[in-house]
PDB file of all heavy atoms in Angstrom:
ATOM      1  N   ILE A   1      -5.617   3.080  -8.442  1.00  0.00           N
ATOM      2  CA  ILE A   1      -4.171   3.286  -8.302  1.00  0.00           C
ATOM      3  C   ILE A   1      -3.480   2.279  -9.184  1.00  0.00           C
ATOM      4  O   ILE A   1      -3.257   1.147  -8.754  1.00  0.00           O
ATOM      5  CB  ILE A   1      -3.699   3.145  -6.860  1.00  0.00           C
ATOM      6  CG1 ILE A   1      -4.550   3.968  -5.875  1.00  0.00           C
ATOM      7  CG2 ILE A   1      -2.218   3.533  -6.716  1.00  0.00           C
ATOM      8  CD1 ILE A   1      -4.210   3.744  -4.423  1.00  0.00           C
ATOM      9  N   PRO A   2      -3.126   2.615 -10.434  1.00  0.00           N
ATOM     10  CA  PRO A   2      -2.447   1.645 -11.297  1.00  0.00           C
ATOM     11  C   PRO A   2      -1.091   1.238 -10.758  1.00  0.00           C
ATOM     12  O   PRO A   2      -0.524   1.911  -9.879  1.00  0.00           O
ATOM     13  CB  PRO A   2      -2.284   2.427 -12.624  1.00  0.00           C
ATOM     14  CG  PRO A   2      -3.317   3.513 -12.564  1.00  0.00           C
ATOM     15  CD  PRO A   2      -3.438   3.865 -11.113  1.00  0.00           C
ATOM     16  N   ASN A   3      -0.566   0.129 -11.254  1.00  0.00           N
ATOM     17  CA  ASN A   3       0.756  -0.341 -10.844  1.00  0.00           C
ATOM     18  C   ASN A   3       1.788   0.732 -11.043  1.00  0.00           C
ATOM     19  O   ASN A   3       1.761   1.493 -11.999  1.00  0.00           O
ATOM     20  CB  ASN A   3       1.155  -1.581 -11.676  1.00  0.00           C
ATOM     21  CG  ASN A   3       0.231  -2.753 -11.416  1.00  0.00           C
ATOM     22  OD1 ASN A   3      -0.879  -2.764 -11.908  1.00  0.00           O
ATOM     23  ND2 ASN A   3       0.711  -3.737 -10.672  1.00  0.00           N
ATOM     24  N   GLY A   4       2.765   0.811 -10.118  1.00  0.00           N
ATOM     25  CA  GLY A   4       3.883   1.712 -10.247  1.00  0.00           C
ATOM     26  C   GLY A   4       3.649   3.127  -9.751  1.00  0.00           C
ATOM     27  O   GLY A   4       4.557   3.950  -9.825  1.00  0.00           O
ATOM     28  N   GLN A   5       2.480   3.408  -9.184  1.00  0.00           N
ATOM     29  CA  GLN A   5       2.208   4.781  -8.773  1.00  0.00           C
ATOM     30  C   GLN A   5       2.052   4.937  -7.277  1.00  0.00           C
ATOM     31  O   GLN A   5       1.712   6.038  -6.796  1.00  0.00           O
ATOM     32  CB  GLN A   5       0.917   5.266  -9.491  1.00  0.00           C
ATOM     33  CG  GLN A   5       1.107   5.370 -10.998  1.00  0.00           C
ATOM     34  CD  GLN A   5      -0.090   6.014 -11.688  1.00  0.00           C
ATOM     35  OE1 GLN A   5      -0.960   6.588 -11.059  1.00  0.00           O
ATOM     36  NE2 GLN A   5      -0.116   5.947 -13.015  1.00  0.00           N
ATOM     37  N   ASN A   6       2.249   3.901  -6.463  1.00  0.00           N
ATOM     38  CA  ASN A   6       2.131   4.038  -5.029  1.00  0.00           C
ATOM     39  C   ASN A   6       2.998   2.985  -4.344  1.00  0.00           C
ATOM     40  O   ASN A   6       2.576   1.884  -4.075  1.00  0.00           O
ATOM     41  CB  ASN A   6       0.638   3.834  -4.620  1.00  0.00           C
ATOM     42  CG  ASN A   6       0.379   4.321  -3.211  1.00  0.00           C
ATOM     43  OD1 ASN A   6       1.100   5.156  -2.675  1.00  0.00           O
ATOM     44  ND2 ASN A   6      -0.660   3.780  -2.593  1.00  0.00           N
ATOM     45  N   THR A   7       4.278   3.317  -4.105  1.00  0.00           N
ATOM     46  CA  THR A   7       5.241   2.383  -3.524  1.00  0.00           C
ATOM     47  C   THR A   7       5.819   2.924  -2.220  1.00  0.00           C
ATOM     48  O   THR A   7       5.868   4.123  -1.983  1.00  0.00           O
ATOM     49  CB  THR A   7       6.380   2.086  -4.487  1.00  0.00           C
ATOM     50  OG1 THR A   7       7.062   3.305  -4.824  1.00  0.00           O
ATOM     51  CG2 THR A   7       5.851   1.466  -5.771  1.00  0.00           C
ATOM     52  N   PHE A   8       6.264   1.980  -1.368  1.00  0.00           N
ATOM     53  CA  PHE A   8       6.868   2.303  -0.081  1.00  0.00           C
ATOM     54  C   PHE A   8       8.134   1.448   0.079  1.00  0.00           C
ATOM     55  O   PHE A   8       8.210   0.368  -0.513  1.00  0.00           O
ATOM     56  CB  PHE A   8       5.898   1.996   1.074  1.00  0.00           C
ATOM     57  CG  PHE A   8       4.511   2.495   0.888  1.00  0.00           C
ATOM     58  CD1 PHE A   8       3.561   1.722   0.225  1.00  0.00           C
ATOM     59  CD2 PHE A   8       4.143   3.738   1.345  1.00  0.00           C
ATOM     60  CE1 PHE A   8       2.272   2.169   0.025  1.00  0.00           C
ATOM     61  CE2 PHE A   8       2.840   4.224   1.153  1.00  0.00           C
ATOM     62  CZ  PHE A   8       1.917   3.438   0.501  1.00  0.00           C
ATOM     63  N   THR A   9       9.083   1.915   0.854  1.00  0.00           N
ATOM     64  CA  THR A   9      10.276   1.107   1.169  1.00  0.00           C
ATOM     65  C   THR A   9      10.386   0.959   2.683  1.00  0.00           C
ATOM     66  O   THR A   9       9.967   1.825   3.460  1.00  0.00           O
ATOM     67  CB  THR A   9      11.555   1.792   0.649  1.00  0.00           C
ATOM     68  OG1 THR A   9      11.711   3.084   1.211  1.00  0.00           O
ATOM     69  CG2 THR A   9      11.527   1.864  -0.868  1.00  0.00           C
ATOM     70  N   THR A  10      10.930  -0.192   3.095  1.00  0.00           N
ATOM     71  CA  THR A  10      11.117  -0.444   4.513  1.00  0.00           C
ATOM     72  C   THR A  10      12.335  -1.352   4.696  1.00  0.00           C
ATOM     73  O   THR A  10      12.635  -2.204   3.854  1.00  0.00           O
ATOM     74  CB  THR A  10       9.880  -1.128   5.120  1.00  0.00           C
ATOM     75  OG1 THR A  10      10.134  -1.432   6.504  1.00  0.00           O
ATOM     76  CG2 THR A  10       9.508  -2.399   4.417  1.00  0.00           C
ATOM     77  N   ASN A  11      13.067  -1.171   5.806  1.00  0.00           N
ATOM     78  CA  ASN A  11      14.191  -2.031   6.097  1.00  0.00           C
ATOM     79  C   ASN A  11      13.869  -3.103   7.105  1.00  0.00           C
ATOM     80  O   ASN A  11      14.731  -3.776   7.673  1.00  0.00           O
ATOM     81  CB  ASN A  11      15.413  -1.214   6.552  1.00  0.00           C
ATOM     82  CG  ASN A  11      15.111  -0.377   7.806  1.00  0.00           C
ATOM     83  OD1 ASN A  11      14.018  -0.470   8.371  1.00  0.00           O
ATOM     84  ND2 ASN A  11      16.044   0.449   8.227  1.00  0.00           N
ATOM     85  N   SER A  12      12.578  -3.281   7.386  1.00  0.00           N
ATOM     86  CA  SER A  12      12.122  -4.353   8.267  1.00  0.00           C
ATOM     87  C   SER A  12      11.184  -5.257   7.461  1.00  0.00           C
ATOM     88  O   SER A  12      10.882  -5.001   6.301  1.00  0.00           O
ATOM     89  CB  SER A  12      11.393  -3.794   9.488  1.00  0.00           C
ATOM     90  OG  SER A  12      10.145  -3.243   9.115  1.00  0.00           O
ATOM     91  N   ASN A  13      10.725  -6.343   8.088  1.00  0.00           N
ATOM     92  CA  ASN A  13       9.856  -7.279   7.390  1.00  0.00           C
ATOM     93  C   ASN A  13       8.390  -7.032   7.727  1.00  0.00           C
ATOM     94  O   ASN A  13       7.579  -7.967   7.748  1.00  0.00           O
ATOM     95  CB  ASN A  13      10.256  -8.717   7.694  1.00  0.00           C
ATOM     96  CG  ASN A  13      10.127  -9.035   9.152  1.00  0.00           C
ATOM     97  OD1 ASN A  13      10.225  -8.156  10.019  1.00  0.00           O
ATOM     98  ND2 ASN A  13       9.927 -10.310   9.461  1.00  0.00           N
ATOM     99  N   SER A  14       8.032  -5.767   7.977  1.00  0.00           N
ATOM    100  CA  SER A  14       6.638  -5.415   8.208  1.00  0.00           C
ATOM    101  C   SER A  14       6.439  -3.938   7.888  1.00  0.00           C
ATOM    102  O   SER A  14       7.399  -3.157   7.854  1.00  0.00           O
ATOM    103  CB  SER A  14       6.235  -5.668   9.670  1.00  0.00           C
ATOM    104  OG  SER A  14       6.974  -4.824  10.543  1.00  0.00           O
ATOM    105  N   ILE A  15       5.187  -3.556   7.652  1.00  0.00           N
ATOM    106  CA  ILE A  15       4.873  -2.167   7.344  1.00  0.00           C
ATOM    107  C   ILE A  15       3.401  -1.907   7.614  1.00  0.00           C
ATOM    108  O   ILE A  15       2.564  -2.801   7.455  1.00  0.00           O
ATOM    109  CB  ILE A  15       5.231  -1.827   5.883  1.00  0.00           C
ATOM    110  CG1 ILE A  15       5.133  -0.320   5.618  1.00  0.00           C
ATOM    111  CG2 ILE A  15       4.341  -2.595   4.922  1.00  0.00           C
ATOM    112  CD1 ILE A  15       5.675   0.096   4.269  1.00  0.00           C
ATOM    113  N   ASP A  16       3.101  -0.701   8.104  1.00  0.00           N
ATOM    114  CA  ASP A  16       1.716  -0.266   8.272  1.00  0.00           C
ATOM    115  C   ASP A  16       1.325   0.614   7.082  1.00  0.00           C
ATOM    116  O   ASP A  16       2.001   1.611   6.810  1.00  0.00           O
ATOM    117  CB  ASP A  16       1.557   0.526   9.559  1.00  0.00           C
ATOM    118  CG  ASP A  16       1.700  -0.348  10.799  1.00  0.00           C
ATOM    119  OD1 ASP A  16       1.018  -1.394  10.852  1.00  0.00           O
ATOM    120  OD2 ASP A  16       2.501  -0.009  11.671  1.00  0.00           O
ATOM    121  N   ILE A  17       0.257   0.249   6.393  1.00  0.00           N
ATOM    122  CA  ILE A  17      -0.258   0.992   5.262  1.00  0.00           C
ATOM    123  C   ILE A  17      -1.477   1.775   5.707  1.00  0.00           C
ATOM    124  O   ILE A  17      -2.436   1.212   6.231  1.00  0.00           O
ATOM    125  CB  ILE A  17      -0.649   0.082   4.075  1.00  0.00           C
ATOM    126  CG1 ILE A  17       0.564  -0.797   3.697  1.00  0.00           C
ATOM    127  CG2 ILE A  17      -1.095   0.911   2.896  1.00  0.00           C
ATOM    128  CD1 ILE A  17       1.752  -0.051   3.157  1.00  0.00           C
ATOM    129  N   THR A  18      -1.480   3.097   5.513  1.00  0.00           N
ATOM    130  CA  THR A  18      -2.580   3.940   5.918  1.00  0.00           C
ATOM    131  C   THR A  18      -3.125   4.706   4.702  1.00  0.00           C
ATOM    132  O   THR A  18      -2.567   4.636   3.606  1.00  0.00           O
ATOM    133  CB  THR A  18      -2.130   4.946   6.982  1.00  0.00           C
ATOM    134  OG1 THR A  18      -1.091   5.787   6.478  1.00  0.00           O
ATOM    135  CG2 THR A  18      -1.651   4.221   8.235  1.00  0.00           C
ATOM    136  N   GLY A  19      -4.217   5.418   4.918  1.00  0.00           N
ATOM    137  CA  GLY A  19      -4.812   6.208   3.844  1.00  0.00           C
ATOM    138  C   GLY A  19      -5.632   5.426   2.858  1.00  0.00           C
ATOM    139  O   GLY A  19      -5.866   5.892   1.730  1.00  0.00           O
ATOM    140  N   LEU A  20      -6.040   4.188   3.173  1.00  0.00           N
ATOM    141  CA  LEU A  20      -6.868   3.374   2.305  1.00  0.00           C
ATOM    142  C   LEU A  20      -8.311   3.856   2.321  1.00  0.00           C
ATOM    143  O   LEU A  20      -8.760   4.490   3.284  1.00  0.00           O
ATOM    144  CB  LEU A  20      -6.788   1.924   2.715  1.00  0.00           C
ATOM    145  CG  LEU A  20      -5.388   1.299   2.786  1.00  0.00           C
ATOM    146  CD1 LEU A  20      -5.467  -0.137   3.283  1.00  0.00           C
ATOM    147  CD2 LEU A  20      -4.680   1.382   1.453  1.00  0.00           C
ATOM    148  N   ASN A  21      -9.015   3.561   1.257  1.00  0.00           N
ATOM    149  CA  ASN A  21     -10.437   3.933   1.158  1.00  0.00           C
ATOM    150  C   ASN A  21     -11.344   2.745   1.511  1.00  0.00           C
ATOM    151  O   ASN A  21     -11.063   1.629   1.090  1.00  0.00           O
ATOM    152  CB  ASN A  21     -10.778   4.389  -0.262  1.00  0.00           C
ATOM    153  CG  ASN A  21     -10.037   5.644  -0.652  1.00  0.00           C
ATOM    154  OD1 ASN A  21      -9.866   6.560   0.152  1.00  0.00           O
ATOM    155  ND2 ASN A  21      -9.586   5.702  -1.906  1.00  0.00           N
ATOM    156  N   PRO A  22     -12.377   2.980   2.292  1.00  0.00           N
ATOM    157  CA  PRO A  22     -13.331   1.891   2.610  1.00  0.00           C
ATOM    158  C   PRO A  22     -13.974   1.339   1.345  1.00  0.00           C
ATOM    159  O   PRO A  22     -14.162   2.060   0.357  1.00  0.00           O
ATOM    160  CB  PRO A  22     -14.368   2.569   3.513  1.00  0.00           C
ATOM    161  CG  PRO A  22     -13.679   3.811   4.031  1.00  0.00           C
ATOM    162  CD  PRO A  22     -12.734   4.239   2.958  1.00  0.00           C
ATOM    163  N   TYR A  23     -14.263   0.029   1.343  1.00  0.00           N
ATOM    164  CA  TYR A  23     -14.979  -0.637   0.277  1.00  0.00           C
ATOM    165  C   TYR A  23     -14.225  -0.639  -1.054  1.00  0.00           C
ATOM    166  O   TYR A  23     -14.836  -0.751  -2.130  1.00  0.00           O
ATOM    167  CB  TYR A  23     -16.391  -0.028   0.078  1.00  0.00           C
ATOM    168  CG  TYR A  23     -17.189   0.039   1.360  1.00  0.00           C
ATOM    169  CD1 TYR A  23     -17.370   1.231   2.009  1.00  0.00           C
ATOM    170  CD2 TYR A  23     -17.730  -1.136   1.880  1.00  0.00           C
ATOM    171  CE1 TYR A  23     -18.092   1.284   3.200  1.00  0.00           C
ATOM    172  CE2 TYR A  23     -18.459  -1.117   3.073  1.00  0.00           C
ATOM    173  CZ  TYR A  23     -18.639   0.124   3.731  1.00  0.00           C
ATOM    174  OH  TYR A  23     -19.344   0.174   4.898  1.00  0.00           O
ATOM    175  N   GLU A  24     -12.917  -0.534  -0.981  1.00  0.00           N
ATOM    176  CA  GLU A  24     -12.088  -0.607  -2.187  1.00  0.00           C
ATOM    177  C   GLU A  24     -11.134  -1.794  -2.119  1.00  0.00           C
ATOM    178  O   GLU A  24     -10.597  -2.064  -1.048  1.00  0.00           O
ATOM    179  CB  GLU A  24     -11.295   0.693  -2.369  1.00  0.00           C
ATOM    180  CG  GLU A  24     -10.538   0.758  -3.701  1.00  0.00           C
ATOM    181  CD  GLU A  24     -10.051   2.162  -4.011  1.00  0.00           C
ATOM    182  OE1 GLU A  24     -10.517   3.118  -3.371  1.00  0.00           O
ATOM    183  OE2 GLU A  24      -9.203   2.298  -4.911  1.00  0.00           O
ATOM    184  N   ASN A  25     -10.998  -2.522  -3.220  1.00  0.00           N
ATOM    185  CA  ASN A  25     -10.113  -3.691  -3.249  1.00  0.00           C
ATOM    186  C   ASN A  25      -8.678  -3.259  -3.499  1.00  0.00           C
ATOM    187  O   ASN A  25      -8.430  -2.466  -4.431  1.00  0.00           O
ATOM    188  CB  ASN A  25     -10.540  -4.674  -4.352  1.00  0.00           C
ATOM    189  CG  ASN A  25     -11.909  -5.253  -4.104  1.00  0.00           C
ATOM    190  OD1 ASN A  25     -12.396  -5.260  -2.970  1.00  0.00           O
ATOM    191  ND2 ASN A  25     -12.529  -5.737  -5.163  1.00  0.00           N
ATOM    192  N   TYR A  26      -7.719  -3.763  -2.714  1.00  0.00           N
ATOM    193  CA  TYR A  26      -6.311  -3.425  -2.849  1.00  0.00           C
ATOM    194  C   TYR A  26      -5.474  -4.655  -3.057  1.00  0.00           C
ATOM    195  O   TYR A  26      -5.776  -5.731  -2.518  1.00  0.00           O
ATOM    196  CB  TYR A  26      -5.820  -2.684  -1.599  1.00  0.00           C
ATOM    197  CG  TYR A  26      -6.363  -1.309  -1.423  1.00  0.00           C
ATOM    198  CD1 TYR A  26      -7.521  -1.112  -0.690  1.00  0.00           C
ATOM    199  CD2 TYR A  26      -5.726  -0.199  -1.993  1.00  0.00           C
ATOM    200  CE1 TYR A  26      -8.049   0.161  -0.516  1.00  0.00           C
ATOM    201  CE2 TYR A  26      -6.240   1.065  -1.827  1.00  0.00           C
ATOM    202  CZ  TYR A  26      -7.391   1.251  -1.090  1.00  0.00           C
ATOM    203  OH  TYR A  26      -7.909   2.521  -0.931  1.00  0.00           O
ATOM    204  N   THR A  27      -4.416  -4.500  -3.847  1.00  0.00           N
ATOM    205  CA  THR A  27      -3.418  -5.550  -4.036  1.00  0.00           C
ATOM    206  C   THR A  27      -2.075  -5.009  -3.547  1.00  0.00           C
ATOM    207  O   THR A  27      -1.681  -3.893  -3.928  1.00  0.00           O
ATOM    208  CB  THR A  27      -3.277  -5.971  -5.477  1.00  0.00           C
ATOM    209  OG1 THR A  27      -4.507  -6.535  -5.932  1.00  0.00           O
ATOM    210  CG2 THR A  27      -2.170  -7.001  -5.639  1.00  0.00           C
ATOM    211  N   PHE A  28      -1.390  -5.785  -2.696  1.00  0.00           N
ATOM    212  CA  PHE A  28      -0.065  -5.386  -2.214  1.00  0.00           C
ATOM    213  C   PHE A  28       0.984  -6.383  -2.715  1.00  0.00           C
ATOM    214  O   PHE A  28       0.810  -7.577  -2.555  1.00  0.00           O
ATOM    215  CB  PHE A  28      -0.003  -5.356  -0.683  1.00  0.00           C
ATOM    216  CG  PHE A  28      -0.859  -4.273  -0.071  1.00  0.00           C
ATOM    217  CD1 PHE A  28      -2.135  -4.565   0.371  1.00  0.00           C
ATOM    218  CD2 PHE A  28      -0.408  -2.970   0.049  1.00  0.00           C
ATOM    219  CE1 PHE A  28      -2.927  -3.594   0.937  1.00  0.00           C
ATOM    220  CE2 PHE A  28      -1.189  -1.983   0.596  1.00  0.00           C
ATOM    221  CZ  PHE A  28      -2.456  -2.300   1.042  1.00  0.00           C
TER     222      PHE A  28
END
């Protein structure tokens, strides 16, 4: 998932991220 292709917005200071793949490195 290159930069700029998977973004979310929230009006609070927390968020739940789902749909991740096991054994894959992610940067948020």
